[in-house]
Amino acid sequence: MVIEELEDKEAITDYFVKKIEAVKADNADVYAELGITRAGYIGRDCVCLSQGDKEKIQAAVIFDIEGGKIKRYDLCVPELLEVERSGVYPI
């Protein structure tokens, strides 16, 4: 869980490297699923993430894209966004 904003490339890279190492150590399948939000950022496309149990969404990610690059990445608790699923894809 990330409590504060990660604002520079080094902090973001460090977070993702540690997260990937933790996922590998858990040896569980990871799923990414397209979805849409029904609360918070209402009507926004998002990515729903699950680890181990694909039926339990553990996080929702909302991206802001500018110039073909990710400008902002918000990792959210899915209950706050009332995420609606639209398909599961193992990664």
PDB file of N, CA and C in Angstrom:
ATOM      1  N   MET A   1       0.846  -1.185   0.000  1.00  0.00           N
ATOM      2  CA  MET A   1       0.000   0.000   0.000  1.00  0.00           C
ATOM      3  C   MET A   1       0.887   1.241   0.000  1.00  0.00           C
ATOM      4  N   VAL A   2       0.488   2.225  -0.776  1.00  0.00           N
ATOM      5  CA  VAL A   2       1.216   3.490  -0.839  1.00  0.00           C
ATOM      6  C   VAL A   2       0.356   4.552  -0.178  1.00  0.00           C
ATOM      7  N   ILE A   3       0.897   5.183   0.850  1.00  0.00           N
ATOM      8  CA  ILE A   3       0.159   6.205   1.585  1.00  0.00           C
ATOM      9  C   ILE A   3       0.392   7.591   0.990  1.00  0.00           C
ATOM     10  N   GLU A   4       1.640   7.885   0.613  1.00  0.00           N
ATOM     11  CA  GLU A   4       1.938   9.206   0.081  1.00  0.00           C
ATOM     12  C   GLU A   4       2.160   9.150  -1.417  1.00  0.00           C
ATOM     13  N   GLU A   5       2.136  10.295  -2.058  1.00  0.00           N
ATOM     14  CA  GLU A   5       2.353  10.365  -3.499  1.00  0.00           C
ATOM     15  C   GLU A   5       3.803  10.048  -3.818  1.00  0.00           C
ATOM     16  N   LEU A   6       4.004   9.316  -4.900  1.00  0.00           N
ATOM     17  CA  LEU A   6       5.341   9.058  -5.425  1.00  0.00           C
ATOM     18  C   LEU A   6       5.539  10.044  -6.563  1.00  0.00           C
ATOM     19  N   GLU A   7       6.450  10.985  -6.374  1.00  0.00           N
ATOM     20  CA  GLU A   7       6.510  12.108  -7.307  1.00  0.00           C
ATOM     21  C   GLU A   7       7.703  12.108  -8.245  1.00  0.00           C
ATOM     22  N   ASP A   8       8.691  11.256  -8.028  1.00  0.00           N
ATOM     23  CA  ASP A   8       9.816  11.274  -8.956  1.00  0.00           C
ATOM     24  C   ASP A   8      10.076   9.879  -9.513  1.00  0.00           C
ATOM     25  N   LYS A   9      10.832   9.835 -10.585  1.00  0.00           N
ATOM     26  CA  LYS A   9      11.084   8.586 -11.290  1.00  0.00           C
ATOM     27  C   LYS A   9      11.707   7.537 -10.374  1.00  0.00           C
ATOM     28  N   GLU A  10      12.643   7.931  -9.530  1.00  0.00           N
ATOM     29  CA  GLU A  10      13.324   6.995  -8.633  1.00  0.00           C
ATOM     30  C   GLU A  10      12.353   6.361  -7.635  1.00  0.00           C
ATOM     31  N   ALA A  11      11.486   7.152  -7.039  1.00  0.00           N
ATOM     32  CA  ALA A  11      10.514   6.628  -6.067  1.00  0.00           C
ATOM     33  C   ALA A  11       9.522   5.677  -6.736  1.00  0.00           C
ATOM     34  N   ILE A  12       9.073   6.039  -7.910  1.00  0.00           N
ATOM     35  CA  ILE A  12       8.110   5.205  -8.638  1.00  0.00           C
ATOM     36  C   ILE A  12       8.768   3.892  -9.063  1.00  0.00           C
ATOM     37  N   THR A  13       9.979   3.970  -9.596  1.00  0.00           N
ATOM     38  CA  THR A  13      10.709   2.768 -10.004  1.00  0.00           C
ATOM     39  C   THR A  13      10.942   1.858  -8.811  1.00  0.00           C
ATOM     40  N   ASP A  14      11.375   2.409  -7.692  1.00  0.00           N
ATOM     41  CA  ASP A  14      11.620   1.628  -6.476  1.00  0.00           C
ATOM     42  C   ASP A  14      10.343   0.921  -6.021  1.00  0.00           C
ATOM     43  N   TYR A  15       9.219   1.610  -6.043  1.00  0.00           N
ATOM     44  CA  TYR A  15       7.943   1.011  -5.646  1.00  0.00           C
ATOM     45  C   TYR A  15       7.607  -0.184  -6.538  1.00  0.00           C
ATOM     46  N   PHE A  16       7.698  -0.002  -7.861  1.00  0.00           N
ATOM     47  CA  PHE A  16       7.324  -1.077  -8.778  1.00  0.00           C
ATOM     48  C   PHE A  16       8.287  -2.262  -8.711  1.00  0.00           C
ATOM     49  N   VAL A  17       9.575  -2.017  -8.553  1.00  0.00           N
ATOM     50  CA  VAL A  17      10.535  -3.119  -8.422  1.00  0.00           C
ATOM     51  C   VAL A  17      10.203  -3.952  -7.189  1.00  0.00           C
ATOM     52  N   LYS A  18       9.950  -3.303  -6.060  1.00  0.00           N
ATOM     53  CA  LYS A  18       9.601  -4.024  -4.826  1.00  0.00           C
ATOM     54  C   LYS A  18       8.279  -4.766  -4.981  1.00  0.00           C
ATOM     55  N   LYS A  19       7.305  -4.164  -5.643  1.00  0.00           N
ATOM     56  CA  LYS A  19       6.007  -4.808  -5.847  1.00  0.00           C
ATOM     57  C   LYS A  19       6.156  -6.049  -6.722  1.00  0.00           C
ATOM     58  N   ILE A  20       6.920  -5.949  -7.794  1.00  0.00           N
ATOM     59  CA  ILE A  20       7.136  -7.091  -8.680  1.00  0.00           C
ATOM     60  C   ILE A  20       7.852  -8.222  -7.938  1.00  0.00           C
ATOM     61  N   GLU A  21       8.832  -7.889  -7.117  1.00  0.00           N
ATOM     62  CA  GLU A  21       9.534  -8.903  -6.323  1.00  0.00           C
ATOM     63  C   GLU A  21       8.575  -9.596  -5.355  1.00  0.00           C
ATOM     64  N   ALA A  22       7.674  -8.845  -4.732  1.00  0.00           N
ATOM     65  CA  ALA A  22       6.693  -9.423  -3.804  1.00  0.00           C
ATOM     66  C   ALA A  22       5.720 -10.339  -4.540  1.00  0.00           C
ATOM     67  N   VAL A  23       5.291  -9.945  -5.725  1.00  0.00           N
ATOM     68  CA  VAL A  23       4.374 -10.766  -6.521  1.00  0.00           C
ATOM     69  C   VAL A  23       5.063 -12.069  -6.916  1.00  0.00           C
ATOM     70  N   LYS A  24       6.314 -11.989  -7.352  1.00  0.00           N
ATOM     71  CA  LYS A  24       7.068 -13.193  -7.707  1.00  0.00           C
ATOM     72  C   LYS A  24       7.195 -14.131  -6.509  1.00  0.00           C
ATOM     73  N   ALA A  25       7.509 -13.570  -5.345  1.00  0.00           N
ATOM     74  CA  ALA A  25       7.688 -14.380  -4.138  1.00  0.00           C
ATOM     75  C   ALA A  25       6.386 -15.064  -3.736  1.00  0.00           C
ATOM     76  N   ASP A  26       5.254 -14.438  -3.988  1.00  0.00           N
ATOM     77  CA  ASP A  26       3.944 -15.002  -3.650  1.00  0.00           C
ATOM     78  C   ASP A  26       3.590 -16.165  -4.579  1.00  0.00           C
ATOM     79  N   ASN A  27       4.170 -16.160  -5.779  1.00  0.00           N
ATOM     80  CA  ASN A  27       3.956 -17.228  -6.761  1.00  0.00           C
ATOM     81  C   ASN A  27       2.477 -17.428  -7.106  1.00  0.00           C
ATOM     82  N   ALA A  28       1.704 -16.367  -7.067  1.00  0.00           N
ATOM     83  CA  ALA A  28       0.276 -16.430  -7.405  1.00  0.00           C
ATOM     84  C   ALA A  28       0.049 -15.770  -8.762  1.00  0.00           C
ATOM     85  N   ASP A  29      -0.975 -16.223  -9.461  1.00  0.00           N
ATOM     86  CA  ASP A  29      -1.332 -15.588 -10.725  1.00  0.00           C
ATOM     87  C   ASP A  29      -1.795 -14.157 -10.469  1.00  0.00           C
ATOM     88  N   VAL A  30      -1.508 -13.298 -11.432  1.00  0.00           N
ATOM     89  CA  VAL A  30      -1.917 -11.893 -11.371  1.00  0.00           C
ATOM     90  C   VAL A  30      -2.860 -11.653 -12.546  1.00  0.00           C
ATOM     91  N   TYR A  31      -3.929 -10.906 -12.299  1.00  0.00           N
ATOM     92  CA  TYR A  31      -4.927 -10.632 -13.330  1.00  0.00           C
ATOM     93  C   TYR A  31      -5.132  -9.124 -13.467  1.00  0.00           C
ATOM     94  N   ALA A  32      -5.252  -8.688 -14.709  1.00  0.00           N
ATOM     95  CA  ALA A  32      -5.603  -7.311 -15.022  1.00  0.00           C
ATOM     96  C   ALA A  32      -6.898  -7.354 -15.811  1.00  0.00           C
ATOM     97  N   GLU A  33      -7.821  -6.514 -15.436  1.00  0.00           N
ATOM     98  CA  GLU A  33      -9.150  -6.536 -16.035  1.00  0.00           C
ATOM     99  C   GLU A  33      -9.594  -5.110 -16.337  1.00  0.00           C
ATOM    100  N   LEU A  34     -10.119  -4.917 -17.521  1.00  0.00           N
ATOM    101  CA  LEU A  34     -10.652  -3.605 -17.855  1.00  0.00           C
ATOM    102  C   LEU A  34     -11.944  -3.384 -17.084  1.00  0.00           C
ATOM    103  N   GLY A  35     -12.154  -2.160 -16.653  1.00  0.00           N
ATOM    104  CA  GLY A  35     -13.361  -1.844 -15.918  1.00  0.00           C
ATOM    105  C   GLY A  35     -13.748  -0.390 -16.092  1.00  0.00           C
ATOM    106  N   ILE A  36     -14.803  -0.023 -15.401  1.00  0.00           N
ATOM    107  CA  ILE A  36     -15.278   1.359 -15.408  1.00  0.00           C
ATOM    108  C   ILE A  36     -15.709   1.713 -13.990  1.00  0.00           C
ATOM    109  N   THR A  37     -15.511   2.949 -13.612  1.00  0.00           N
ATOM    110  CA  THR A  37     -15.843   3.376 -12.250  1.00  0.00           C
ATOM    111  C   THR A  37     -17.284   3.888 -12.171  1.00  0.00           C
ATOM    112  N   ARG A  38     -17.915   3.615 -11.051  1.00  0.00           N
ATOM    113  CA  ARG A  38     -19.291   4.058 -10.815  1.00  0.00           C
ATOM    114  C   ARG A  38     -19.378   5.047  -9.645  1.00  0.00           C
ATOM    115  N   ALA A  39     -18.253   5.335  -9.023  1.00  0.00           N
ATOM    116  CA  ALA A  39     -18.193   6.321  -7.931  1.00  0.00           C
ATOM    117  C   ALA A  39     -16.817   6.976  -7.981  1.00  0.00           C
ATOM    118  N   GLY A  40     -16.648   8.052  -7.255  1.00  0.00           N
ATOM    119  CA  GLY A  40     -15.354   8.751  -7.271  1.00  0.00           C
ATOM    120  C   GLY A  40     -15.135   9.422  -8.606  1.00  0.00           C
ATOM    121  N   TYR A  41     -14.308   8.820  -9.437  1.00  0.00           N
ATOM    122  CA  TYR A  41     -14.089   9.279 -10.813  1.00  0.00           C
ATOM    123  C   TYR A  41     -15.146   8.608 -11.683  1.00  0.00           C
ATOM    124  N   ILE A  42     -16.382   9.046 -11.589  1.00  0.00           N
ATOM    125  CA  ILE A  42     -17.510   8.370 -12.231  1.00  0.00           C
ATOM    126  C   ILE A  42     -17.331   8.296 -13.746  1.00  0.00           C
ATOM    127  N   GLY A  43     -17.527   7.060 -14.283  1.00  0.00           N
ATOM    128  CA  GLY A  43     -17.480   6.845 -15.718  1.00  0.00           C
ATOM    129  C   GLY A  43     -16.095   6.749 -16.318  1.00  0.00           C
ATOM    130  N   ARG A  44     -15.063   6.651 -15.465  1.00  0.00           N
ATOM    131  CA  ARG A  44     -13.703   6.562 -15.982  1.00  0.00           C
ATOM    132  C   ARG A  44     -13.329   5.114 -16.272  1.00  0.00           C
ATOM    133  N   ASP A  45     -12.642   4.896 -17.379  1.00  0.00           N
ATOM    134  CA  ASP A  45     -12.051   3.590 -17.630  1.00  0.00           C
ATOM    135  C   ASP A  45     -10.962   3.362 -16.597  1.00  0.00           C
ATOM    136  N   CYS A  46     -10.791   2.097 -16.207  1.00  0.00           N
ATOM    137  CA  CYS A  46      -9.771   1.770 -15.223  1.00  0.00           C
ATOM    138  C   CYS A  46      -9.261   0.360 -15.479  1.00  0.00           C
ATOM    139  N   VAL A  47      -8.224  -0.015 -14.752  1.00  0.00           N
ATOM    140  CA  VAL A  47      -7.705  -1.370 -14.766  1.00  0.00           C
ATOM    141  C   VAL A  47      -7.898  -1.932 -13.369  1.00  0.00           C
ATOM    142  N   CYS A  48      -8.553  -3.094 -13.281  1.00  0.00           N
ATOM    143  CA  CYS A  48      -8.782  -3.778 -12.012  1.00  0.00           C
ATOM    144  C   CYS A  48      -7.686  -4.824 -11.852  1.00  0.00           C
ATOM    145  N   LEU A  49      -7.061  -4.878 -10.687  1.00  0.00           N
ATOM    146  CA  LEU A  49      -5.974  -5.815 -10.443  1.00  0.00           C
ATOM    147  C   LEU A  49      -6.351  -6.811  -9.369  1.00  0.00           C
ATOM    148  N   SER A  50      -6.001  -8.075  -9.618  1.00  0.00           N
ATOM    149  CA  SER A  50      -6.230  -9.159  -8.661  1.00  0.00           C
ATOM    150  C   SER A  50      -4.981 -10.017  -8.605  1.00  0.00           C
ATOM    151  N   GLN A  51      -4.737 -10.608  -7.459  1.00  0.00           N
ATOM    152  CA  GLN A  51      -3.610 -11.519  -7.297  1.00  0.00           C
ATOM    153  C   GLN A  51      -4.111 -12.767  -6.583  1.00  0.00           C
ATOM    154  N   GLY A  52      -3.899 -13.923  -7.195  1.00  0.00           N
ATOM    155  CA  GLY A  52      -4.349 -15.171  -6.598  1.00  0.00           C
ATOM    156  C   GLY A  52      -5.792 -15.487  -6.956  1.00  0.00           C
ATOM    157  N   ASP A  53      -6.718 -14.765  -6.399  1.00  0.00           N
ATOM    158  CA  ASP A  53      -8.151 -14.968  -6.627  1.00  0.00           C
ATOM    159  C   ASP A  53      -8.649 -13.910  -7.607  1.00  0.00           C
ATOM    160  N   LYS A  54      -8.891 -14.323  -8.865  1.00  0.00           N
ATOM    161  CA  LYS A  54      -9.281 -13.334  -9.877  1.00  0.00           C
ATOM    162  C   LYS A  54     -10.653 -12.715  -9.618  1.00  0.00           C
ATOM    163  N   GLU A  55     -11.442 -13.346  -8.765  1.00  0.00           N
ATOM    164  CA  GLU A  55     -12.766 -12.799  -8.449  1.00  0.00           C
ATOM    165  C   GLU A  55     -12.709 -11.648  -7.452  1.00  0.00           C
ATOM    166  N   LYS A  56     -11.611 -11.527  -6.723  1.00  0.00           N
ATOM    167  CA  LYS A  56     -11.487 -10.467  -5.709  1.00  0.00           C
ATOM    168  C   LYS A  56     -10.584  -9.348  -6.244  1.00  0.00           C
ATOM    169  N   ILE A  57     -11.198  -8.247  -6.622  1.00  0.00           N
ATOM    170  CA  ILE A  57     -10.434  -7.097  -7.101  1.00  0.00           C
ATOM    171  C   ILE A  57      -9.754  -6.457  -5.893  1.00  0.00           C
ATOM    172  N   GLN A  58      -8.434  -6.346  -5.961  1.00  0.00           N
ATOM    173  CA  GLN A  58      -7.670  -5.804  -4.839  1.00  0.00           C
ATOM    174  C   GLN A  58      -7.254  -4.360  -5.034  1.00  0.00           C
ATOM    175  N   ALA A  59      -7.253  -3.901  -6.286  1.00  0.00           N
ATOM    176  CA  ALA A  59      -6.885  -2.517  -6.567  1.00  0.00           C
ATOM    177  C   ALA A  59      -7.471  -2.110  -7.910  1.00  0.00           C
ATOM    178  N   ALA A  60      -7.680  -0.828  -8.060  1.00  0.00           N
ATOM    179  CA  ALA A  60      -8.118  -0.256  -9.331  1.00  0.00           C
ATOM    180  C   ALA A  60      -7.148   0.869  -9.693  1.00  0.00           C
ATOM    181  N   VAL A  61      -6.770   0.921 -10.959  1.00  0.00           N
ATOM    182  CA  VAL A  61      -5.814   1.929 -11.420  1.00  0.00           C
ATOM    183  C   VAL A  61      -6.479   2.813 -12.462  1.00  0.00           C
ATOM    184  N   ILE A  62      -6.318   4.106 -12.280  1.00  0.00           N
ATOM    185  CA  ILE A  62      -6.799   5.098 -13.246  1.00  0.00           C
ATOM    186  C   ILE A  62      -5.579   5.825 -13.789  1.00  0.00           C
ATOM    187  N   PHE A  63      -5.504   5.911 -15.108  1.00  0.00           N
ATOM    188  CA  PHE A  63      -4.383   6.577 -15.771  1.00  0.00           C
ATOM    189  C   PHE A  63      -4.847   7.877 -16.404  1.00  0.00           C
ATOM    190  N   ASP A  64      -4.004   8.893 -16.353  1.00  0.00           N
ATOM    191  CA  ASP A  64      -4.172  10.088 -17.173  1.00  0.00           C
ATOM    192  C   ASP A  64      -3.036  10.048 -18.184  1.00  0.00           C
ATOM    193  N   ILE A  65      -3.365  10.135 -19.464  1.00  0.00           N
ATOM    194  CA  ILE A  65      -2.380  10.055 -20.543  1.00  0.00           C
ATOM    195  C   ILE A  65      -2.262  11.422 -21.199  1.00  0.00           C
ATOM    196  N   GLU A  66      -1.022  11.829 -21.458  1.00  0.00           N
ATOM    197  CA  GLU A  66      -0.777  13.093 -22.156  1.00  0.00           C
ATOM    198  C   GLU A  66       0.392  12.895 -23.110  1.00  0.00           C
ATOM    199  N   GLY A  67       0.194  13.228 -24.364  1.00  0.00           N
ATOM    200  CA  GLY A  67       1.255  13.065 -25.350  1.00  0.00           C
ATOM    201  C   GLY A  67       1.714  11.623 -25.505  1.00  0.00           C
ATOM    202  N   GLY A  68       0.791  10.661 -25.316  1.00  0.00           N
ATOM    203  CA  GLY A  68       1.130   9.257 -25.459  1.00  0.00           C
ATOM    204  C   GLY A  68       1.895   8.664 -24.286  1.00  0.00           C
ATOM    205  N   LYS A  69       2.024   9.429 -23.195  1.00  0.00           N
ATOM    206  CA  LYS A  69       2.748   8.946 -22.012  1.00  0.00           C
ATOM    207  C   LYS A  69       1.854   9.054 -20.781  1.00  0.00           C
ATOM    208  N   ILE A  70       2.141   8.206 -19.803  1.00  0.00           N
ATOM    209  CA  ILE A  70       1.381   8.269 -18.556  1.00  0.00           C
ATOM    210  C   ILE A  70       1.773   9.537 -17.802  1.00  0.00           C
ATOM    211  N   LYS A  71       0.790  10.407 -17.584  1.00  0.00           N
ATOM    212  CA  LYS A  71       1.027  11.641 -16.843  1.00  0.00           C
ATOM    213  C   LYS A  71       0.737  11.433 -15.361  1.00  0.00           C
ATOM    214  N   ARG A  72      -0.277  10.616 -15.072  1.00  0.00           N
ATOM    215  CA  ARG A  72      -0.679  10.361 -13.692  1.00  0.00           C
ATOM    216  C   ARG A  72      -1.198   8.940 -13.591  1.00  0.00           C
ATOM    217  N   TYR A  73      -0.900   8.306 -12.461  1.00  0.00           N
ATOM    218  CA  TYR A  73      -1.278   6.911 -12.202  1.00  0.00           C
ATOM    219  C   TYR A  73      -1.841   6.892 -10.793  1.00  0.00           C
ATOM    220  N   ASP A  74      -3.134   6.640 -10.663  1.00  0.00           N
ATOM    221  CA  ASP A  74      -3.754   6.577  -9.344  1.00  0.00           C
ATOM    222  C   ASP A  74      -4.134   5.143  -9.031  1.00  0.00           C
ATOM    223  N   LEU A  75      -3.536   4.586  -7.985  1.00  0.00           N
ATOM    224  CA  LEU A  75      -3.837   3.245  -7.503  1.00  0.00           C
ATOM    225  C   LEU A  75      -4.824   3.414  -6.355  1.00  0.00           C
ATOM    226  N   CYS A  76      -6.019   2.851  -6.507  1.00  0.00           N
ATOM    227  CA  CYS A  76      -7.109   3.124  -5.572  1.00  0.00           C
ATOM    228  C   CYS A  76      -7.682   1.842  -4.971  1.00  0.00           C
ATOM    229  N   VAL A  77      -8.310   1.979  -3.825  1.00  0.00           N
ATOM    230  CA  VAL A  77      -9.073   0.896  -3.217  1.00  0.00           C
ATOM    231  C   VAL A  77     -10.330   0.734  -4.063  1.00  0.00           C
ATOM    232  N   PRO A  78     -10.606  -0.461  -4.590  1.00  0.00           N
ATOM    233  CA  PRO A  78     -11.715  -0.629  -5.545  1.00  0.00           C
ATOM    234  C   PRO A  78     -13.088  -0.295  -4.973  1.00  0.00           C
ATOM    235  N   GLU A  79     -13.283  -0.482  -3.679  1.00  0.00           N
ATOM    236  CA  GLU A  79     -14.580  -0.181  -3.069  1.00  0.00           C
ATOM    237  C   GLU A  79     -14.937   1.302  -3.175  1.00  0.00           C
ATOM    238  N   LEU A  80     -13.942   2.170  -3.173  1.00  0.00           N
ATOM    239  CA  LEU A  80     -14.208   3.611  -3.266  1.00  0.00           C
ATOM    240  C   LEU A  80     -14.706   4.013  -4.645  1.00  0.00           C
ATOM    241  N   LEU A  81     -14.336   3.236  -5.650  1.00  0.00           N
ATOM    242  CA  LEU A  81     -14.696   3.574  -7.028  1.00  0.00           C
ATOM    243  C   LEU A  81     -15.890   2.788  -7.556  1.00  0.00           C
ATOM    244  N   GLU A  82     -16.354   1.807  -6.790  1.00  0.00           N
ATOM    245  CA  GLU A  82     -17.449   0.934  -7.231  1.00  0.00           C
ATOM    246  C   GLU A  82     -17.189   0.446  -8.657  1.00  0.00           C
ATOM    247  N   VAL A  83     -16.087  -0.267  -8.817  1.00  0.00           N
ATOM    248  CA  VAL A  83     -15.633  -0.733 -10.121  1.00  0.00           C
ATOM    249  C   VAL A  83     -16.573  -1.782 -10.691  1.00  0.00           C
ATOM    250  N   GLU A  84     -16.872  -1.627 -11.980  1.00  0.00           N
ATOM    251  CA  GLU A  84     -17.673  -2.614 -12.711  1.00  0.00           C
ATOM    252  C   GLU A  84     -16.736  -3.300 -13.703  1.00  0.00           C
ATOM    253  N   ARG A  85     -16.718  -4.636 -13.717  1.00  0.00           N
ATOM    254  CA  ARG A  85     -15.819  -5.420 -14.580  1.00  0.00           C
ATOM    255  C   ARG A  85     -16.278  -5.432 -16.033  1.00  0.00           C
ATOM    256  N   SER A  86     -15.277  -5.604 -16.927  1.00  0.00           N
ATOM    257  CA  SER A  86     -15.620  -5.776 -18.336  1.00  0.00           C
ATOM    258  C   SER A  86     -14.816  -6.872 -19.015  1.00  0.00           C
ATOM    259  N   GLY A  87     -13.979  -7.638 -18.298  1.00  0.00           N
ATOM    260  CA  GLY A  87     -13.230  -8.767 -18.872  1.00  0.00           C
ATOM    261  C   GLY A  87     -11.976  -9.068 -18.094  1.00  0.00           C
ATOM    262  N   VAL A  88     -11.582 -10.340 -17.971  1.00  0.00           N
ATOM    263  CA  VAL A  88     -10.387 -10.740 -17.211  1.00  0.00           C
ATOM    264  C   VAL A  88      -9.320 -11.248 -18.161  1.00  0.00           C
ATOM    265  N   TYR A  89      -8.103 -10.792 -17.954  1.00  0.00           N
ATOM    266  CA  TYR A  89      -6.965 -11.215 -18.766  1.00  0.00           C
ATOM    267  C   TYR A  89      -5.801 -11.528 -17.853  1.00  0.00           C
ATOM    268  N   PRO A  90      -5.335 -12.805 -17.774  1.00  0.00           N
ATOM    269  CA  PRO A  90      -4.172 -13.109 -16.938  1.00  0.00           C
ATOM    270  C   PRO A  90      -2.919 -12.463 -17.512  1.00  0.00           C
ATOM    271  N   ILE A  91      -2.060 -11.964 -16.645  1.00  0.00           N
ATOM    272  CA  ILE A  91      -0.790 -11.377 -17.114  1.00  0.00           C
ATOM    273  C   ILE A  91       0.365 -12.101 -16.468  1.00  0.00           C
TER     274      ILE A  91
END
